[in-house]
Amino acid sequence: MNLKKIAAVLVLGAAASGAGATVLTFDGLTDFVYGDGFPLASSMRYDGTNLTYREAGYQLTLNAPGADAGAAHISDGTYEPQTFNWHDGMENGSGTFVTLTRIGGGLFDLLGFDYYTDGSAVSADGSPRGMLADAGIWDTALRGIGELRLSSGVFNQIDNIQVEDAGVASGKVPVPGTLPLLLGGIAAAFMARRRRY
């Protein structure tokens, strides 16, 4: 194996080792209210009555069918900065819900998230998956979904959403733990080749 081939294998191994979970942290949301006349963060936009937020290839949409266009807003559910929080009612109108999807569509795996709510139903692709109440951590993995949906209570907050492209955890893509094995094998092959000369 020549040095060019070794370098190519190292680059491919390093790229593969980067595969894994992404955590949506909402660290850019530092002010109390976004929307309803307050400035939007650069990662946000309105689509009629819906307010979208984008981070790391994923999109959360506050669907507010009872709101006036441009009136829906987030960050007043718990008023805790650096979280995605909202309330049901008043400017947002009643019947609000939040969806999580990949930007541009496609399937993803949901690994978990932190929450604080007085009551929210969780569904994936239209199928009910459970209820949230009080504060806690959702740690039931939902594999190969196109949309996560959270209904709204009076106050709602989610944070640290762990997601990854569908299939990563199933072994279709090498995980970071394989990189040391790959490097060890390459080093052994290189040393064996050196000994022959």
C-alpha atoms as a PDB file:
ATOM      1  CA  MET A   1       0.000   0.000   0.000  1.00  0.00           C
ATOM      2  CA  ASN A   2       1.628   3.298  -1.045  1.00  0.00           C
ATOM      3  CA  LEU A   3       1.399   6.555   0.887  1.00  0.00           C
ATOM      4  CA  LYS A   4      -1.282   8.020  -1.400  1.00  0.00           C
ATOM      5  CA  LYS A   5      -3.550   5.040  -0.762  1.00  0.00           C
ATOM      6  CA  ILE A   6      -2.897   5.244   2.981  1.00  0.00           C
ATOM      7  CA  ALA A   7      -3.779   8.949   2.973  1.00  0.00           C
ATOM      8  CA  ALA A   8      -6.984   8.261   1.006  1.00  0.00           C
ATOM      9  CA  VAL A   9      -8.041   5.561   3.465  1.00  0.00           C
ATOM     10  CA  LEU A  10      -7.343   7.905   6.403  1.00  0.00           C
ATOM     11  CA  VAL A  11      -9.475  10.660   4.849  1.00  0.00           C
ATOM     12  CA  LEU A  12     -12.353   8.246   4.216  1.00  0.00           C
ATOM     13  CA  GLY A  13     -12.081   6.863   7.741  1.00  0.00           C
ATOM     14  CA  ALA A  14     -12.081  10.317   9.274  1.00  0.00           C
ATOM     15  CA  ALA A  15     -15.149  11.306   7.226  1.00  0.00           C
ATOM     16  CA  ALA A  16     -16.992   8.170   8.306  1.00  0.00           C
ATOM     17  CA  SER A  17     -16.075   8.739  11.939  1.00  0.00           C
ATOM     18  CA  GLY A  18     -17.898  12.092  11.870  1.00  0.00           C
ATOM     19  CA  ALA A  19     -21.232  10.318  11.447  1.00  0.00           C
ATOM     20  CA  GLY A  20     -23.409  10.313  14.530  1.00  0.00           C
ATOM     21  CA  ALA A  21     -25.952  12.215  16.525  1.00  0.00           C
ATOM     22  CA  THR A  22     -26.560  15.925  16.121  1.00  0.00           C
ATOM     23  CA  VAL A  23     -27.844  17.878  19.107  1.00  0.00           C
ATOM     24  CA  LEU A  24     -30.133  20.860  18.497  1.00  0.00           C
ATOM     25  CA  THR A  25     -29.235  23.182  21.373  1.00  0.00           C
ATOM     26  CA  PHE A  26     -31.019  26.444  20.436  1.00  0.00           C
ATOM     27  CA  ASP A  27     -27.993  28.342  21.736  1.00  0.00           C
ATOM     28  CA  GLY A  28     -28.714  31.161  19.271  1.00  0.00           C
ATOM     29  CA  LEU A  29     -32.074  31.914  20.904  1.00  0.00           C
ATOM     30  CA  THR A  30     -31.040  34.314  23.652  1.00  0.00           C
ATOM     31  CA  ASP A  31     -33.843  36.898  23.736  1.00  0.00           C
ATOM     32  CA  PHE A  32     -37.232  36.289  25.300  1.00  0.00           C
ATOM     33  CA  VAL A  33     -39.616  36.627  22.360  1.00  0.00           C
ATOM     34  CA  TYR A  34     -39.201  36.029  18.617  1.00  0.00           C
ATOM     35  CA  GLY A  35     -42.096  36.916  16.330  1.00  0.00           C
ATOM     36  CA  ASP A  36     -45.359  38.855  16.736  1.00  0.00           C
ATOM     37  CA  GLY A  37     -43.595  42.118  15.973  1.00  0.00           C
ATOM     38  CA  PHE A  38     -40.355  41.209  17.735  1.00  0.00           C
ATOM     39  CA  PRO A  39     -37.294  40.566  15.522  1.00  0.00           C
ATOM     40  CA  LEU A  40     -36.735  37.039  14.251  1.00  0.00           C
ATOM     41  CA  ALA A  41     -33.412  35.271  14.668  1.00  0.00           C
ATOM     42  CA  SER A  42     -31.475  34.802  11.426  1.00  0.00           C
ATOM     43  CA  SER A  43     -32.446  31.106  11.474  1.00  0.00           C
ATOM     44  CA  MET A  44     -36.194  31.888  11.589  1.00  0.00           C
ATOM     45  CA  ARG A  45     -38.887  32.860   9.089  1.00  0.00           C
ATOM     46  CA  TYR A  46     -42.635  33.124   8.722  1.00  0.00           C
ATOM     47  CA  ASP A  47     -44.717  31.007   6.390  1.00  0.00           C
ATOM     48  CA  GLY A  48     -48.224  32.426   6.790  1.00  0.00           C
ATOM     49  CA  THR A  49     -49.231  31.660  10.365  1.00  0.00           C
ATOM     50  CA  ASN A  50     -46.350  29.235  10.900  1.00  0.00           C
ATOM     51  CA  LEU A  51     -43.004  30.221  12.407  1.00  0.00           C
ATOM     52  CA  THR A  52     -39.989  28.075  11.476  1.00  0.00           C
ATOM     53  CA  TYR A  53     -36.605  27.715  13.121  1.00  0.00           C
ATOM     54  CA  ARG A  54     -33.643  25.953  11.465  1.00  0.00           C
ATOM     55  CA  GLU A  55     -30.548  24.419  13.011  1.00  0.00           C
ATOM     56  CA  ALA A  56     -28.006  21.848  11.785  1.00  0.00           C
ATOM     57  CA  GLY A  57     -30.110  20.615   8.847  1.00  0.00           C
ATOM     58  CA  TYR A  58     -33.373  20.296  10.812  1.00  0.00           C
ATOM     59  CA  GLN A  59     -36.439  22.493  11.061  1.00  0.00           C
ATOM     60  CA  LEU A  60     -38.884  23.072  13.904  1.00  0.00           C
ATOM     61  CA  THR A  61     -42.150  24.683  12.896  1.00  0.00           C
ATOM     62  CA  LEU A  62     -44.579  26.280  15.300  1.00  0.00           C
ATOM     63  CA  ASN A  63     -47.864  25.608  13.528  1.00  0.00           C
ATOM     64  CA  ALA A  64     -50.337  28.201  14.721  1.00  0.00           C
ATOM     65  CA  PRO A  65     -53.552  27.795  12.722  1.00  0.00           C
ATOM     66  CA  GLY A  66     -55.440  30.178  15.029  1.00  0.00           C
ATOM     67  CA  ALA A  67     -52.937  33.038  14.752  1.00  0.00           C
ATOM     68  CA  ASP A  68     -52.939  35.985  12.412  1.00  0.00           C
ATOM     69  CA  ALA A  69     -50.211  35.855   9.757  1.00  0.00           C
ATOM     70  CA  GLY A  70     -46.981  37.093  11.325  1.00  0.00           C
ATOM     71  CA  ALA A  71     -48.372  36.960  14.864  1.00  0.00           C
ATOM     72  CA  ALA A  72     -47.160  33.556  16.088  1.00  0.00           C
ATOM     73  CA  HIS A  73     -44.138  33.628  18.360  1.00  0.00           C
ATOM     74  CA  ILE A  74     -41.834  31.516  20.505  1.00  0.00           C
ATOM     75  CA  SER A  75     -39.813  32.028  23.698  1.00  0.00           C
ATOM     76  CA  ASP A  76     -42.688  33.014  25.922  1.00  0.00           C
ATOM     77  CA  GLY A  77     -43.730  29.536  27.054  1.00  0.00           C
ATOM     78  CA  THR A  78     -41.247  29.420  29.905  1.00  0.00           C
ATOM     79  CA  TYR A  79     -39.186  32.514  29.035  1.00  0.00           C
ATOM     80  CA  GLU A  80     -36.049  30.395  29.335  1.00  0.00           C
ATOM     81  CA  PRO A  81     -33.423  31.492  26.789  1.00  0.00           C
ATOM     82  CA  GLN A  82     -31.586  28.973  24.609  1.00  0.00           C
ATOM     83  CA  THR A  83     -34.582  26.644  24.490  1.00  0.00           C
ATOM     84  CA  PHE A  84     -37.442  26.275  22.011  1.00  0.00           C
ATOM     85  CA  ASN A  85     -40.454  27.270  24.106  1.00  0.00           C
ATOM     86  CA  TRP A  86     -43.961  28.448  23.269  1.00  0.00           C
ATOM     87  CA  HIS A  87     -47.481  28.682  24.624  1.00  0.00           C
ATOM     88  CA  ASP A  88     -50.861  27.713  23.283  1.00  0.00           C
ATOM     89  CA  GLY A  89     -53.356  30.556  23.159  1.00  0.00           C
ATOM     90  CA  MET A  90     -53.383  34.367  22.996  1.00  0.00           C
ATOM     91  CA  GLU A  91     -51.320  35.628  20.009  1.00  0.00           C
ATOM     92  CA  ASN A  92     -50.479  32.088  18.924  1.00  0.00           C
ATOM     93  CA  GLY A  93     -54.146  31.168  18.926  1.00  0.00           C
ATOM     94  CA  SER A  94     -55.374  27.825  20.193  1.00  0.00           C
ATOM     95  CA  GLY A  95     -54.554  24.449  18.667  1.00  0.00           C
ATOM     96  CA  THR A  96     -50.839  25.116  18.181  1.00  0.00           C
ATOM     97  CA  PHE A  97     -48.377  22.280  17.672  1.00  0.00           C
ATOM     98  CA  VAL A  98     -44.708  21.918  16.788  1.00  0.00           C
ATOM     99  CA  THR A  99     -43.214  19.670  14.126  1.00  0.00           C
ATOM    100  CA  LEU A 100     -39.607  18.568  13.671  1.00  0.00           C
ATOM    101  CA  THR A 101     -38.468  17.592  10.166  1.00  0.00           C
ATOM    102  CA  ARG A 102     -35.293  17.492   8.120  1.00  0.00           C
ATOM    103  CA  ILE A 103     -34.781  20.503   5.892  1.00  0.00           C
ATOM    104  CA  GLY A 104     -35.668  19.328   2.398  1.00  0.00           C
ATOM    105  CA  GLY A 105     -37.433  16.218   3.713  1.00  0.00           C
ATOM    106  CA  GLY A 106     -36.134  12.742   4.350  1.00  0.00           C
ATOM    107  CA  LEU A 107     -36.107  10.313   7.236  1.00  0.00           C
ATOM    108  CA  PHE A 108     -34.262  10.732  10.512  1.00  0.00           C
ATOM    109  CA  ASP A 109     -33.816   8.991  13.836  1.00  0.00           C
ATOM    110  CA  LEU A 110     -34.928  10.800  16.978  1.00  0.00           C
ATOM    111  CA  LEU A 111     -32.800   9.681  19.926  1.00  0.00           C
ATOM    112  CA  GLY A 112     -34.150  11.955  22.668  1.00  0.00           C
ATOM    113  CA  PHE A 113     -34.841  15.450  23.979  1.00  0.00           C
ATOM    114  CA  ASP A 114     -35.398  17.394  27.201  1.00  0.00           C
ATOM    115  CA  TYR A 115     -38.861  18.772  27.879  1.00  0.00           C
ATOM    116  CA  TYR A 116     -40.918  20.857  30.279  1.00  0.00           C
ATOM    117  CA  THR A 117     -44.675  21.061  29.667  1.00  0.00           C
ATOM    118  CA  ASP A 118     -48.036  20.895  31.348  1.00  0.00           C
ATOM    119  CA  GLY A 119     -49.187  18.353  28.774  1.00  0.00           C
ATOM    120  CA  SER A 120     -48.094  17.448  25.256  1.00  0.00           C
ATOM    121  CA  ALA A 121     -48.892  14.477  23.043  1.00  0.00           C
ATOM    122  CA  VAL A 122     -46.019  13.026  21.003  1.00  0.00           C
ATOM    123  CA  SER A 123     -46.623  11.488  17.588  1.00  0.00           C
ATOM    124  CA  ALA A 124     -44.390  10.353  14.746  1.00  0.00           C
ATOM    125  CA  ASP A 125     -45.675  10.348  11.175  1.00  0.00           C
ATOM    126  CA  GLY A 126     -49.244  10.540  12.479  1.00  0.00           C
ATOM    127  CA  SER A 127     -48.950   7.651  14.963  1.00  0.00           C
ATOM    128  CA  PRO A 128     -49.319   8.456  18.695  1.00  0.00           C
ATOM    129  CA  ARG A 129     -46.150   7.648  20.667  1.00  0.00           C
ATOM    130  CA  GLY A 130     -46.825   8.963  24.194  1.00  0.00           C
ATOM    131  CA  MET A 131     -47.583  11.897  26.470  1.00  0.00           C
ATOM    132  CA  LEU A 132     -45.295  14.410  28.132  1.00  0.00           C
ATOM    133  CA  ALA A 133     -46.026  16.102  31.449  1.00  0.00           C
ATOM    134  CA  ASP A 134     -43.915  18.085  33.918  1.00  0.00           C
ATOM    135  CA  ALA A 135     -40.147  18.035  33.251  1.00  0.00           C
ATOM    136  CA  GLY A 136     -38.091  15.140  31.997  1.00  0.00           C
ATOM    137  CA  ILE A 137     -36.171  13.474  29.198  1.00  0.00           C
ATOM    138  CA  TRP A 138     -37.756  11.643  26.272  1.00  0.00           C
ATOM    139  CA  ASP A 139     -35.367   8.773  25.648  1.00  0.00           C
ATOM    140  CA  THR A 140     -37.432   6.443  23.477  1.00  0.00           C
ATOM    141  CA  ALA A 141     -35.674   6.270  20.112  1.00  0.00           C
ATOM    142  CA  LEU A 142     -37.934   6.720  17.091  1.00  0.00           C
ATOM    143  CA  ARG A 143     -36.183   5.329  14.007  1.00  0.00           C
ATOM    144  CA  GLY A 144     -36.790   6.267  10.394  1.00  0.00           C
ATOM    145  CA  ILE A 145     -39.416   8.971  10.895  1.00  0.00           C
ATOM    146  CA  GLY A 146     -40.229  11.893   8.616  1.00  0.00           C
ATOM    147  CA  GLU A 147     -41.981  14.103  11.182  1.00  0.00           C
ATOM    148  CA  LEU A 148     -42.115  14.371  14.959  1.00  0.00           C
ATOM    149  CA  ARG A 149     -45.147  16.256  16.267  1.00  0.00           C
ATOM    150  CA  LEU A 150     -45.730  17.727  19.717  1.00  0.00           C
ATOM    151  CA  SER A 151     -49.150  19.047  20.693  1.00  0.00           C
ATOM    152  CA  SER A 152     -49.282  22.104  22.930  1.00  0.00           C
ATOM    153  CA  GLY A 153     -50.195  22.712  26.506  1.00  0.00           C
ATOM    154  CA  VAL A 154     -50.391  26.172  28.029  1.00  0.00           C
ATOM    155  CA  PHE A 155     -46.602  26.208  28.373  1.00  0.00           C
ATOM    156  CA  ASN A 156     -44.106  24.066  26.462  1.00  0.00           C
ATOM    157  CA  GLN A 157     -40.338  23.807  26.252  1.00  0.00           C
ATOM    158  CA  ILE A 158     -37.973  21.442  24.451  1.00  0.00           C
ATOM    159  CA  ASP A 159     -34.192  21.429  24.311  1.00  0.00           C
ATOM    160  CA  ASN A 160     -31.175  19.270  23.442  1.00  0.00           C
ATOM    161  CA  ILE A 161     -32.932  17.352  20.682  1.00  0.00           C
ATOM    162  CA  GLN A 162     -30.696  14.459  19.600  1.00  0.00           C
ATOM    163  CA  VAL A 163     -31.214  13.444  15.973  1.00  0.00           C
ATOM    164  CA  GLU A 164     -29.298  11.706  13.229  1.00  0.00           C
ATOM    165  CA  ASP A 165     -29.858  10.704   9.636  1.00  0.00           C
ATOM    166  CA  ALA A 166     -31.929   7.527   9.402  1.00  0.00           C
ATOM    167  CA  GLY A 167     -29.823   4.386   9.269  1.00  0.00           C
ATOM    168  CA  VAL A 168     -26.695   5.734  10.987  1.00  0.00           C
ATOM    169  CA  ALA A 169     -27.326   3.736  14.167  1.00  0.00           C
ATOM    170  CA  SER A 170     -28.196   0.569  12.233  1.00  0.00           C
ATOM    171  CA  GLY A 171     -24.624   0.128  11.066  1.00  0.00           C
ATOM    172  CA  LYS A 172     -25.001   1.405   7.509  1.00  0.00           C
ATOM    173  CA  VAL A 173     -22.342   4.029   8.250  1.00  0.00           C
ATOM    174  CA  PRO A 174     -19.189   3.284  10.277  1.00  0.00           C
ATOM    175  CA  VAL A 175     -19.337   4.707  13.789  1.00  0.00           C
ATOM    176  CA  PRO A 176     -16.486   6.683  15.420  1.00  0.00           C
ATOM    177  CA  GLY A 177     -15.305   3.617  17.396  1.00  0.00           C
ATOM    178  CA  THR A 178     -14.166   1.984  14.146  1.00  0.00           C
ATOM    179  CA  LEU A 179     -11.588   4.696  13.442  1.00  0.00           C
ATOM    180  CA  PRO A 180      -8.928   3.392  15.899  1.00  0.00           C
ATOM    181  CA  LEU A 181      -9.311  -0.097  14.398  1.00  0.00           C
ATOM    182  CA  LEU A 182      -8.938   1.322  10.902  1.00  0.00           C
ATOM    183  CA  LEU A 183      -5.854   3.341  11.829  1.00  0.00           C
ATOM    184  CA  GLY A 184      -4.333   0.363  13.661  1.00  0.00           C
ATOM    185  CA  GLY A 185      -4.763  -1.847  10.594  1.00  0.00           C
ATOM    186  CA  ILE A 186      -3.223   0.740   8.306  1.00  0.00           C
ATOM    187  CA  ALA A 187      -0.247   1.228  10.649  1.00  0.00           C
ATOM    188  CA  ALA A 188       0.311  -2.549  10.845  1.00  0.00           C
ATOM    189  CA  ALA A 189       0.196  -2.863   7.050  1.00  0.00           C
ATOM    190  CA  PHE A 190       2.616   0.046   6.651  1.00  0.00           C
ATOM    191  CA  MET A 191       5.063  -1.421   9.194  1.00  0.00           C
ATOM    192  CA  ALA A 192       4.894  -4.850   7.548  1.00  0.00           C
ATOM    193  CA  ARG A 193       5.649  -3.278   4.180  1.00  0.00           C
ATOM    194  CA  ARG A 194       8.635  -1.356   5.640  1.00  0.00           C
ATOM    195  CA  ARG A 195      10.101  -4.556   7.114  1.00  0.00           C
ATOM    196  CA  ARG A 196      10.106  -6.214   3.678  1.00  0.00           C
ATOM    197  CA  TYR A 197      12.452  -3.564   2.262  1.00  0.00           C
END
